[in-house]
Protein backbone atom coordinates (compact mmCIF):
# COMPACT_ATOMS: atom_id res chain seq x y z
CA MET A 1 0.07 -0.01 -0.01
CA ASN A 2 1.52 3.22 -1.07
CA GLN A 3 1.87 6.14 1.37
CA PRO A 4 -1.21 8.32 0.43
CA ILE A 5 -3.53 5.41 0.50
CA ARG A 6 -2.29 4.56 3.88
CA ARG A 7 -2.76 8.11 5.17
CA LEU A 8 -6.31 8.05 3.63
CA SER A 9 -7.24 4.64 5.36
CA THR A 10 -5.85 6.15 8.73
CA LEU A 11 -7.95 9.36 8.42
CA VAL A 12 -10.93 7.31 7.45
CA ALA A 13 -10.54 4.97 10.53
CA VAL A 14 -9.99 7.96 12.79
CA MET A 15 -13.20 9.35 11.50
CA PHE A 16 -15.17 6.21 12.18
CA VAL A 17 -13.86 6.01 15.64
CA LEU A 18 -14.67 9.55 16.54
CA LEU A 19 -18.45 9.07 14.95
CA LEU A 20 -18.58 5.86 17.03
CA GLY A 21 -17.54 7.53 20.16
CA ALA A 22 -19.81 10.79 19.60
CA SER A 23 -22.93 8.40 18.90
CA THR A 24 -21.87 6.37 22.07
CA TRP A 25 -21.86 9.55 24.06
CA ILE A 26 -25.06 11.00 22.86
CA GLN A 27 -27.01 7.82 23.29
CA VAL A 28 -25.57 6.78 26.49
CA LEU A 29 -23.77 9.21 28.50
CA GLY A 30 -25.58 12.47 27.19
CA SER A 31 -29.03 11.06 26.85
CA GLN A 32 -30.17 12.27 30.12
CA ASP A 33 -28.81 15.93 29.83
CA ILE A 34 -30.49 16.02 26.30
CA ASN A 35 -33.82 14.62 27.57
CA ASP A 36 -33.81 17.20 30.44
CA ARG A 37 -33.36 20.16 28.13
CA PRO A 38 -36.54 22.31 28.37
CA GLY A 39 -36.38 22.79 24.50
CA ASN A 40 -36.35 19.19 23.71
CA ARG A 41 -39.56 18.81 21.61
CA ARG A 42 -39.67 14.90 21.77
CA THR A 43 -39.20 15.09 25.67
CA GLN A 44 -41.96 17.60 25.81
CA LEU A 45 -44.39 15.75 23.76
CA GLU A 46 -43.77 12.59 25.85
CA SER A 47 -44.48 14.68 28.89
CA TYR A 48 -47.70 15.99 27.65
CA ALA A 49 -48.81 12.28 26.76
CA ARG A 50 -49.38 11.70 30.53
CA GLU A 51 -51.36 13.66 33.22
CA ARG A 52 -49.15 16.27 35.18
CA GLY A 53 -49.49 16.34 38.83
CA GLN A 54 -51.75 18.79 40.86
CA ILE A 55 -50.42 21.58 42.91
CA LEU A 56 -52.82 21.43 46.02
CA LEU A 57 -53.64 23.71 48.94
CA GLY A 58 -55.67 21.78 51.65
CA GLY A 59 -56.52 19.36 48.95
CA ARG A 60 -57.80 21.94 46.45
CA ALA A 61 -56.06 22.23 43.27
CA ILE A 62 -54.41 25.53 42.18
CA ALA A 63 -52.78 23.90 39.37
CA SER A 64 -54.15 20.85 37.37
CA SER A 65 -54.29 19.24 33.85
CA SER A 66 -57.43 18.56 31.83
CA PRO A 67 -57.56 16.29 28.66
CA THR A 68 -57.92 17.90 25.49
CA ASP A 69 -58.20 16.73 21.87
CA ASP A 70 -55.14 18.28 20.31
CA ASP A 71 -51.71 16.65 19.90
CA LEU A 72 -50.65 17.69 23.51
CA GLN A 73 -53.42 15.70 25.05
CA TRP A 74 -53.32 17.79 28.42
CA GLN A 75 -54.08 21.30 29.24
CA ARG A 76 -52.53 23.01 32.29
CA THR A 77 -54.88 25.22 34.12
CA TYR A 78 -54.61 27.59 37.19
CA SER A 79 -57.18 28.48 39.69
CA ASP A 80 -56.64 32.09 41.22
CA PRO A 81 -53.69 32.30 38.53
CA GLN A 82 -52.37 35.68 39.58
CA LEU A 83 -52.62 35.25 43.46
CA TYR A 84 -50.40 32.01 43.26
CA SER A 85 -48.55 32.98 40.10
CA HIS A 86 -45.10 33.14 41.90
CA VAL A 87 -46.00 30.01 43.84
CA THR A 88 -46.89 27.76 41.04
CA GLY A 89 -44.83 29.48 38.13
CA TRP A 90 -45.96 27.85 34.72
CA ASN A 91 -45.31 24.87 32.36
CA SER A 92 -45.13 26.22 28.81
CA PHE A 93 -44.70 23.79 25.87
CA THR A 94 -42.74 26.32 24.05
CA TYR A 95 -40.61 27.66 27.04
CA GLY A 96 -40.69 24.82 29.51
CA PRO A 97 -41.42 24.80 33.16
CA GLY A 98 -40.62 28.03 35.00
CA GLY A 99 -40.96 30.45 37.75
CA GLY A 100 -42.18 28.45 40.82
CA VAL A 101 -42.98 24.92 41.85
CA GLU A 102 -43.59 23.96 38.20
CA PHE A 103 -40.13 24.35 37.42
CA ALA A 104 -38.37 23.49 40.84
CA ALA A 105 -40.29 20.34 41.35
CA ASP A 106 -40.87 19.43 37.41
CA GLY A 107 -39.42 15.73 37.99
CA LEU A 108 -42.23 14.99 40.57
CA LEU A 109 -45.12 16.76 38.75
CA SER A 110 -44.09 15.27 35.36
CA GLY A 111 -43.59 11.80 36.74
CA ARG A 112 -39.82 11.36 35.74
CA ASP A 113 -38.51 11.68 39.32
CA ASP A 114 -36.67 8.47 40.46
CA ARG A 115 -38.61 8.55 43.72
CA LEU A 116 -41.83 7.77 41.85
CA PHE A 117 -40.35 4.41 40.47
CA TYR A 118 -42.54 2.30 42.67
CA ASP A 119 -45.64 4.50 41.95
CA ARG A 120 -45.03 4.00 38.27
CA LEU A 121 -44.48 0.21 38.62
CA THR A 122 -47.62 -0.32 40.44
CA SER A 123 -49.66 1.83 37.95
CA THR A 124 -48.20 -0.27 35.14
CA ILE A 125 -49.07 -3.63 36.87
CA ALA A 126 -52.52 -2.40 37.65
CA GLY A 127 -53.10 -1.27 33.97
CA ARG A 128 -53.15 2.45 34.52
CA THR A 129 -51.23 5.07 32.79
CA PRO A 130 -48.69 6.45 34.93
CA LYS A 131 -48.82 10.06 35.74
CA GLY A 132 -47.11 12.94 37.73
CA ALA A 133 -47.12 13.15 41.47
CA SER A 134 -49.27 15.76 43.19
CA LEU A 135 -47.66 18.29 45.81
CA GLU A 136 -49.65 19.53 48.74
CA LEU A 137 -48.11 22.95 49.64
CA THR A 138 -47.96 24.58 53.15
CA ILE A 139 -49.60 27.84 51.95
CA ASP A 140 -52.48 28.94 53.88
CA PRO A 141 -55.14 30.32 51.50
CA ARG A 142 -56.37 32.86 54.00
CA VAL A 143 -53.00 34.31 54.70
CA GLN A 144 -52.03 34.42 51.02
CA ARG A 145 -55.24 36.40 50.17
CA ALA A 146 -54.58 38.61 53.13
CA ALA A 147 -51.10 39.45 51.90
CA ASP A 148 -52.08 39.89 48.39
CA GLU A 149 -54.83 42.30 49.30
CA ALA A 150 -52.82 44.30 51.89
CA LEU A 151 -49.96 44.87 49.56
CA GLY A 152 -52.52 45.75 46.72
CA ASP A 153 -51.15 47.62 43.75
CA GLN A 154 -47.75 48.50 45.53
CA ARG A 155 -44.49 46.75 44.30
CA GLY A 156 -42.72 44.53 46.96
CA ALA A 157 -43.10 41.19 48.70
CA VAL A 158 -44.74 39.38 51.75
CA VAL A 159 -43.63 36.20 53.48
CA ALA A 160 -45.35 34.64 56.45
CA LEU A 161 -43.74 31.62 58.10
CA ASP A 162 -44.66 29.28 60.86
CA PRO A 163 -41.76 29.74 63.18
CA ARG A 164 -41.92 26.53 64.90
CA THR A 165 -41.91 24.30 61.73
CA GLY A 166 -40.41 26.65 58.87
CA GLU A 167 -43.62 26.16 56.84
CA ILE A 168 -44.21 29.10 54.37
CA LEU A 169 -47.73 30.27 55.02
CA ALA A 170 -47.70 33.14 52.40
CA MET A 171 -45.42 34.01 49.75
CA VAL A 172 -46.55 37.12 47.61
CA SER A 173 -44.61 39.14 45.25
CA HIS A 174 -45.95 42.27 43.30
CA PRO A 175 -46.37 42.78 40.59
CA ASP A 176 -47.73 39.36 39.78
CA PHE A 177 -48.72 38.00 36.52
CA ASP A 178 -51.19 35.46 34.97
CA PRO A 179 -49.53 32.25 33.86
CA THR A 180 -52.60 31.23 31.63
CA PRO A 181 -51.42 32.53 28.49
CA LEU A 182 -47.89 30.95 28.87
CA VAL A 183 -49.37 27.44 28.91
CA SER A 184 -51.66 28.02 25.83
CA HIS A 185 -51.43 25.43 23.16
CA ASN A 186 -51.56 28.36 20.72
CA THR A 187 -47.76 29.15 20.18
CA SER A 188 -48.59 32.82 19.06
CA THR A 189 -50.34 33.31 22.31
CA GLU A 190 -47.48 31.82 24.33
CA LYS A 191 -45.06 33.85 22.44
CA LYS A 192 -46.87 37.24 22.76
CA ALA A 193 -47.37 36.73 26.60
CA TRP A 194 -43.69 35.78 26.97
CA GLU A 195 -42.41 38.66 25.16
CA GLU A 196 -44.49 41.18 26.96
CA LEU A 197 -43.71 39.67 30.40
CA ASN A 198 -39.94 39.75 29.92
CA SER A 199 -39.96 43.23 28.29
CA ASP A 200 -42.12 44.69 31.23
CA PRO A 201 -39.72 47.20 33.14
CA SER A 202 -41.67 46.22 36.47
CA ARG A 203 -40.23 42.79 36.13
CA PRO A 204 -43.48 40.73 36.95
CA LEU A 205 -41.78 37.41 36.56
CA VAL A 206 -39.28 37.98 39.27
CA ASN A 207 -40.22 36.42 42.66
CA ARG A 208 -39.29 39.39 45.05
CA ALA A 209 -39.84 37.33 48.03
CA ILE A 210 -36.80 35.00 47.25
CA SER A 211 -34.84 36.33 44.46
CA GLY A 212 -34.25 39.40 42.05
CA ASN A 213 -31.76 42.10 42.94
CA LEU A 214 -32.33 41.86 46.76
CA TYR A 215 -33.02 44.71 49.08
CA PRO A 216 -31.13 46.78 51.62
CA PRO A 217 -32.88 45.77 54.89
CA GLY A 218 -32.49 49.13 56.58
CA SER A 219 -33.37 49.05 60.21
CA VAL A 220 -34.92 45.53 60.51
CA PHE A 221 -31.30 44.47 60.38
CA LYS A 222 -31.12 46.09 63.78
CA ILE A 223 -32.47 42.75 65.22
CA VAL A 224 -29.31 41.09 64.00
CA THR A 225 -27.00 43.70 65.40
CA ALA A 226 -28.63 43.63 68.89
CA ALA A 227 -28.37 39.75 68.78
CA ALA A 228 -24.65 40.08 68.19
CA ALA A 229 -24.30 42.57 70.79
CA ILE A 230 -26.18 40.45 73.40
CA GLU A 231 -24.51 37.29 72.27
CA ASP A 232 -21.23 39.15 72.70
CA GLY A 233 -21.79 39.39 76.56
CA GLN A 234 -20.89 42.93 76.98
CA TRP A 235 -24.42 44.36 76.59
CA ASP A 236 -27.94 43.55 77.36
CA GLU A 237 -31.20 45.17 76.78
CA ASN A 238 -30.78 47.46 79.91
CA SER A 239 -27.18 48.48 78.67
CA SER A 240 -26.85 52.19 78.09
CA ILE A 241 -25.04 53.19 74.94
CA PRO A 242 -24.35 56.30 73.08
CA GLY A 243 -27.15 57.76 71.14
CA PRO A 244 -26.37 61.27 69.94
CA ALA A 245 -28.08 63.15 67.27
CA VAL A 246 -25.28 62.60 64.92
CA LEU A 247 -22.64 59.82 65.29
CA ASP A 248 -19.24 61.00 64.57
CA LEU A 249 -17.45 58.60 62.03
CA PRO A 250 -13.82 58.04 61.88
CA GLN A 251 -11.95 58.45 58.36
CA THR A 252 -14.83 60.82 57.21
CA GLU A 253 -16.28 64.24 57.86
CA VAL A 254 -19.66 62.75 57.19
CA GLY A 255 -21.50 61.69 60.35
CA LEU A 256 -24.28 59.26 60.70
CA PRO A 257 -27.53 61.05 61.74
CA ASN A 258 -30.82 59.57 63.22
CA SER A 259 -33.78 59.70 61.26
CA HIS A 260 -35.47 62.01 63.70
CA ALA A 261 -34.14 65.30 64.99
CA GLY A 262 -31.93 65.14 68.23
CA ALA A 263 -30.46 62.63 70.35
CA CYS A 264 -32.12 59.38 71.34
CA GLY A 265 -31.86 59.97 75.09
CA PRO A 266 -30.90 62.36 77.72
CA ASN A 267 -27.08 63.23 77.86
CA ASP A 268 -26.77 61.52 74.41
CA MET A 269 -27.21 57.93 75.96
CA VAL A 270 -30.08 55.52 75.59
CA THR A 271 -30.69 51.88 76.60
CA LEU A 272 -30.50 49.19 73.91
CA ALA A 273 -34.22 48.44 74.50
CA VAL A 274 -35.21 51.96 73.82
CA ALA A 275 -32.79 52.33 70.95
CA MET A 276 -34.64 49.24 69.29
CA GLN A 277 -38.14 50.95 70.28
CA ASP A 278 -37.41 54.11 68.57
CA SER A 279 -35.01 52.78 65.96
CA CYS A 280 -31.89 54.89 67.10
CA ASN A 281 -29.45 55.04 64.13
CA THR A 282 -26.71 56.45 65.99
CA ALA A 283 -26.80 53.79 68.89
CA PHE A 284 -26.72 50.93 66.31
CA GLY A 285 -24.13 52.56 64.22
CA TRP A 286 -21.95 52.67 67.36
CA LEU A 287 -22.71 49.15 68.27
CA GLY A 288 -21.68 48.09 64.56
CA MET A 289 -18.23 49.75 64.95
CA GLU A 290 -17.81 48.35 68.60
CA LEU A 291 -18.55 44.85 67.54
CA GLY A 292 -16.92 44.93 64.10
CA GLY A 293 -17.93 43.90 60.84
CA ASP A 294 -16.65 40.15 61.33
CA ALA A 295 -18.96 39.82 64.60
CA VAL A 296 -22.11 41.29 62.68
CA ARG A 297 -21.34 39.06 59.79
CA ASP A 298 -21.03 35.98 61.89
CA GLN A 299 -24.26 36.61 63.67
CA ALA A 300 -25.95 37.14 60.30
CA ALA A 301 -24.65 33.69 59.05
CA LYS A 302 -26.30 32.15 62.01
CA PHE A 303 -29.64 33.47 60.86
CA GLY A 304 -29.18 31.93 57.30
CA PHE A 305 -27.23 34.59 55.58
CA GLY A 306 -25.09 33.15 52.81
CA ASP A 307 -26.90 29.93 52.96
CA ASP A 308 -27.99 28.32 49.55
CA LEU A 309 -31.60 27.28 50.37
CA GLU A 310 -34.23 25.40 48.24
CA ILE A 311 -37.84 25.73 49.18
CA PRO A 312 -37.80 23.90 46.53
CA MET A 313 -37.13 27.11 44.43
CA ASN A 314 -33.71 28.29 44.76
CA VAL A 315 -33.54 31.16 47.10
CA THR A 316 -30.77 34.06 46.44
CA PRO A 317 -28.52 34.06 49.53
CA SER A 318 -28.65 37.31 51.57
CA THR A 319 -25.33 38.87 52.11
CA VAL A 320 -23.21 41.05 54.60
CA PRO A 321 -20.05 42.63 52.99
CA ASP A 322 -16.63 41.86 54.30
CA GLU A 323 -13.43 43.91 54.62
CA LEU A 324 -15.45 46.83 56.14
CA SER A 325 -14.06 50.18 57.29
CA PRO A 326 -15.24 51.77 60.55
CA PRO A 327 -17.86 53.95 58.82
CA GLN A 328 -18.92 51.07 56.81
CA GLU A 329 -19.30 48.98 59.93
CA ALA A 330 -21.31 51.81 61.46
CA GLN A 331 -23.54 51.56 58.15
CA VAL A 332 -23.99 47.92 58.19
CA GLY A 333 -25.05 48.08 61.93
CA ILE A 334 -28.14 49.74 60.64
CA GLY A 335 -28.70 47.65 57.70
CA GLN A 336 -27.20 50.01 55.02
CA TYR A 337 -24.16 49.98 52.93
CA ASP A 338 -24.14 46.76 50.92
CA VAL A 339 -26.25 44.55 53.16
CA ARG A 340 -28.68 42.72 50.88
CA VAL A 341 -31.56 40.53 51.76
CA THR A 342 -34.58 38.52 50.52
CA PRO A 343 -37.92 39.25 52.55
CA LEU A 344 -37.73 35.33 53.17
CA GLN A 345 -34.44 35.90 55.16
CA VAL A 346 -35.93 38.79 56.97
CA ALA A 347 -38.91 36.66 58.03
CA MET A 348 -36.34 33.85 59.03
CA VAL A 349 -34.68 36.46 61.48
CA SER A 350 -38.01 37.27 63.22
CA ALA A 351 -38.96 33.53 63.26
CA ALA A 352 -35.63 32.57 64.98
CA VAL A 353 -36.35 35.17 67.72
CA ALA A 354 -39.85 33.67 68.00
CA ASN A 355 -38.52 30.11 68.18
CA ASP A 356 -36.18 30.57 71.30
CA GLY A 357 -33.13 31.21 68.79
CA VAL A 358 -33.62 28.17 66.52
CA VAL A 359 -33.79 28.83 62.57
CA MET A 360 -36.17 26.24 61.16
CA THR A 361 -35.42 25.51 57.37
CA PRO A 362 -38.14 27.04 55.27
CA HIS A 363 -40.19 24.81 53.00
CA LEU A 364 -43.11 25.12 50.69
CA VAL A 365 -43.86 21.48 49.86
CA GLN A 366 -45.68 19.64 52.75
CA SER A 367 -46.15 16.37 51.16
CA VAL A 368 -45.72 14.37 47.84
CA LEU A 369 -48.72 12.40 46.73
CA GLY A 370 -49.06 9.48 44.47
CA GLN A 371 -51.77 8.84 41.76
CA ASP A 372 -54.20 7.75 44.16
CA LEU A 373 -53.27 10.82 46.37
CA SER A 374 -51.78 8.47 48.89
CA GLU A 375 -48.73 9.95 50.88
CA ILE A 376 -45.30 9.01 49.15
CA SER A 377 -43.21 11.39 51.29
CA GLU A 378 -43.74 14.23 53.81
CA THR A 379 -41.42 17.42 54.63
CA LYS A 380 -40.44 17.06 58.25
CA PRO A 381 -39.52 20.15 60.30
CA GLU A 382 -35.83 20.51 60.16
CA GLN A 383 -33.56 22.85 62.18
CA LEU A 384 -31.28 24.88 59.99
CA SER A 385 -29.15 26.56 62.66
CA LYS A 386 -29.05 28.06 66.03
CA ALA A 387 -28.91 31.75 65.87
CA MET A 388 -28.67 32.55 69.54
CA GLU A 389 -29.37 31.52 73.05
CA PRO A 390 -32.85 31.37 74.32
CA GLU A 391 -32.14 33.99 76.84
CA THR A 392 -30.98 36.30 73.97
CA ALA A 393 -34.25 35.56 72.12
CA ASP A 394 -36.12 36.54 75.15
CA GLN A 395 -34.58 39.97 75.41
CA LEU A 396 -35.14 40.53 71.87
CA THR A 397 -38.90 39.65 72.09
CA ASP A 398 -38.96 42.19 74.92
CA MET A 399 -37.40 44.85 72.88
CA MET A 400 -39.45 44.11 69.73
CA LYS A 401 -42.87 44.05 71.69
CA LEU A 402 -41.77 47.83 72.78
CA VAL A 403 -41.41 48.63 69.08
CA VAL A 404 -45.08 47.70 68.61
CA GLU A 405 -46.45 48.80 71.94
CA GLN A 406 -44.92 52.41 72.06
CA GLY A 407 -42.29 52.71 69.37
CA THR A 408 -42.05 53.20 65.43
CA GLY A 409 -44.27 50.02 64.91
CA THR A 410 -47.53 50.85 66.50
CA GLN A 411 -49.46 50.62 63.28
CA ALA A 412 -48.38 46.86 63.08
CA ALA A 413 -50.47 46.05 66.13
CA VAL A 414 -53.19 43.44 66.21
CA PRO A 415 -56.14 44.07 68.55
CA GLY A 416 -56.02 41.79 71.41
CA VAL A 417 -52.79 40.00 70.51
CA SER A 418 -49.09 40.81 71.80
CA VAL A 419 -47.02 41.45 68.66
CA ALA A 420 -43.21 41.86 68.51
CA GLY A 421 -41.91 43.69 65.52
CA LYS A 422 -39.30 45.86 64.08
CA THR A 423 -39.67 48.76 61.41
CA GLY A 424 -37.34 49.70 58.68
CA THR A 425 -36.93 52.48 56.11
CA ALA A 426 -34.12 51.62 53.73
CA GLU A 427 -32.34 53.97 51.54
CA HIS A 428 -31.17 52.53 48.21
CA ALA A 429 -30.84 55.36 45.56
CA THR A 430 -30.18 58.95 45.85
CA ASP A 431 -33.22 59.75 43.36
CA ALA A 432 -35.75 57.36 44.78
CA PRO A 433 -37.82 57.09 47.83
CA PRO A 434 -36.58 54.50 50.46
CA HIS A 435 -38.15 51.01 50.86
CA ALA A 436 -40.57 50.46 53.64
CA TRP A 437 -40.10 47.36 55.80
CA PHE A 438 -41.72 45.61 58.63
CA THR A 439 -40.88 42.14 60.37
CA GLY A 440 -42.26 40.54 63.41
CA PHE A 441 -44.14 37.68 64.98
CA ALA A 442 -47.19 36.99 67.07
CA PRO A 443 -48.43 36.30 69.45
CA ALA A 444 -45.21 37.21 71.11
CA ASP A 445 -45.67 34.79 74.19
CA ASN A 446 -46.77 32.03 72.02
CA PRO A 447 -45.41 32.65 68.30
CA LYS A 448 -47.49 31.08 65.52
CA VAL A 449 -46.60 33.27 62.62
CA ALA A 450 -43.65 35.35 61.56
CA VAL A 451 -43.92 37.82 58.90
CA ALA A 452 -41.70 40.11 56.68
CA VAL A 453 -43.01 42.87 54.63
CA VAL A 454 -41.12 45.26 52.02
CA VAL A 455 -42.77 47.77 49.86
CA GLU A 456 -40.60 49.29 47.16
CA ASP A 457 -40.03 53.13 47.00
CA GLY A 458 -42.37 53.68 49.90
CA GLY A 459 -45.28 52.58 47.93
CA ARG A 460 -48.16 55.06 47.75
CA GLU A 461 -46.37 57.33 50.38
CA GLY A 462 -43.29 57.78 48.30
CA ASN A 463 -40.78 60.10 49.96
CA GLU A 464 -43.05 60.49 53.00
CA ALA A 465 -42.86 56.66 53.70
CA TYR A 466 -41.77 55.00 56.84
CA GLY A 467 -41.70 51.46 57.62
CA GLY A 468 -44.24 51.55 60.30
CA SER A 469 -46.76 53.42 58.47
CA VAL A 470 -46.57 51.65 55.22
CA ALA A 471 -45.44 48.02 55.79
CA GLY A 472 -46.81 47.73 59.46
CA PRO A 473 -50.69 47.72 58.50
CA ILE A 474 -49.78 45.19 55.86
CA SER A 475 -48.03 42.88 58.57
CA SER A 476 -50.97 43.42 60.92
CA ALA A 477 -53.53 42.04 58.19
CA VAL A 478 -51.47 39.06 57.59
CA MET A 479 -50.96 38.27 61.14
CA LYS A 480 -54.81 38.61 61.70
CA ALA A 481 -55.45 36.17 58.93
CA ALA A 482 -52.95 33.74 60.25
CA LEU A 483 -54.37 33.76 63.78
CA GLN A 484 -57.94 33.38 62.89
């Protein structure tokens, strides 16, 4: 065989080996990845050939599938679609599952999850067509509706938790959206809705309760700073600390003022409890510098800051910046500078105080149900971390009760119920009104619900907004519904 023919033969052999290797990888090693791609039309058609599982609240479906006479065989429908839009998400043939539980628990709902092997097997033996699992959620419809109505047409989010179990009782994000057009079997309807929602500057597809750009917490973060101070052992609720009208900051000529005129107490001194009650910036700024950035950051981490959580949707971790200068430590002490949080994380902070210092892992799925609605699995309450000692939580509870009884949070009160809480008014841009916050729990002596509320840009009050006046009444409405 001459040289050119030998080279050509070698090249052809190599090409056959590469072709065999590529086809083997695609069919064996890469098949699962390809099948799982949202745009895989064959996989999508296969998933529409069987009934998708329901999403349930108290046994009532808020997402279900109905048979059709077209090629897709099943049509997804949502009851109260906008009320639960960020909870359910959508399951679009063109764009795939997205947004909420539809995306995060797609394997269960579609029936492809390995946990459903036995359920699929028994269905096949019984001669039934396998279908997806149904999910019973922890959302309380009354609490969800109360949060939705109280937030109204304002942008922001509301989260309510059971502090004892971590169950999410309400999760509302505004603006919301209607997922119905996204699940249409008409591709032009799907495309139009998709383009309109994604081009909307108000970002209705973003679940502000757990993701997005995150928020500066403002003074609701003072709960974390106070916890760090008490856990440090140098201070308690009765400790007297500096609270001048303006706190002098090192390395800068710009001081840190209070949100109200004057000092927080006589002779520029104030107790930690009164500083919390009246949301004294200078006292908590002073504490931030005394404790140092590392101590405050470590305390925040004990509440869950920095954790990668799945509820089952992914939760963007809340953060406290590192390598802080003294002026930045003062700003972090009052929840400003580059502290960023989700409303879920803020609710977890209040829930930890309510639960004797223990943070429970938040979750949205109560149980997974088979085709006959028998229980396949149940989510058990699980401790995420211990944020503080019970004695620290008791002191924080007393201080937070003062906030609602006679401090900045009186508009968050619930008649006949003792409420513990904290207000916040968070600056975030020089040319925009501040965000309004409230977080707290009730009843203070036997907590059953913890709430966090944020209203973007002061809501209807704009530049005149304060956390107590804007977010406080929303929290009150949510607590009332939860305690009925």
